[in-house]
Amino acid sequence: MRRGVAVQTGVALLAIAGLVCGCVTINLLPMPGPLEEKQLSGSGSGKVLVIELSGLISSAETEFFLERPSVVAQIVEELSRAAEDSDVKAIVLRINSPGGTVTASDILHHELKAFKAKRNIPIVAWIMDVGASGGYYVAVAGDKIVAHPASVTGSLGVIMLTINAEGLLQKIGIEATAVTSGPKKDMGSPFRAMTEEELAIFQGVVNSFYERFLTVVDEGRPNLSGDQVRKLADGRIYTGEQAMALGLVDSLGYLEDAIELAKQEAGLSEARVVTYRRPGEYHPNIYSRLIGGGTIWTGVANLDLLALVRGRTPQFMYLWMP
């Protein structure tokens, strides 16, 4: 047995022994610590802060086996710290997300607007691979939106996620019974098909969230009329070039271009480009991922469909989910 494997095995055995006898506690996985500032490039007294919005926009606190703040909690924490640092003169919000829940997306949009009202410094949103649906909803809180030339954005709209497992349960001889106080109490249950009336009720909720989406985009993109926004918001995606031609983004460029734009908007000829990190995280450059591992689709893959089967309520999402 190699030495490294032997040490890891020994630590694991100690942990197991501790669980059995209750005499020792060993944390085998790193615990999150307070944010630390990390300078990535540049010089000068002013700072351009790069904040990342990556993956599914959700309030979920746990990513796999590692305890991590949710995307919402992480960004709110970073904004709170930036609000107290007068040297932070601009923010670049690096977005790589297909969207997420309606509520989480709206909270981030609200927090960015509140930060803007408090500090009144420019916020430039930069779309990397994907900035769709809820990702775009958050982006319009910024003063400018820059999209990578090969990015995908759009998908303006709402989707409700639920499943109907009634046929499967019948095949395996399982019947679910719900005792309710009213006929609509279990609407959306995965154990039975929805009635036409229940579908209409859910459609009304989706339509309400859709109108909110349109309002947010209309306010965030004053170059577009309400009718133009509604025409663009049929759920389709757009390339970065298409989005710029349609007025959904202001320009095309790389992250360096977004940083330069943020400096210009803040009136800075030079600035330090900084980010916040947890102890032990390694970020050698502006493209390093700031929150956890995985891809933008990791959160989508982890949508708990089995929980829906067990009876979780349907989820309303600002999400591009092909």
Foldseek 3Di string as FASTA:
>chain_A
DDPVVVVVVVVVVVCVVCVVVVPDHDDPDDAWDDKDKDFQDWDDQAEEEEAEDFAAQDQDQDDPPYGHGGSLVVVLSQLVVVLPDLRHQEYEYEYHAQFYFLVSLVSLLVSLLVSCVSNVHFYEYEYEAEQEQSSLLSRLSGLFYAYAQAHKYYQHFKDKDAAACQVVCVVVVHADDDDDPDPCPQARQNNHDHDPVSVVVVVVVRVVSSVVSLVSQCVSQVVDHSVLSVVRNPRDMDGSVRCCVSRSGVYYDDPVVSSVVSCVRSVHPIHTYMYIATPPDDDNHPPDDHGDDDHNCSVVVPPPNVVSNVTDHITMISGDDD
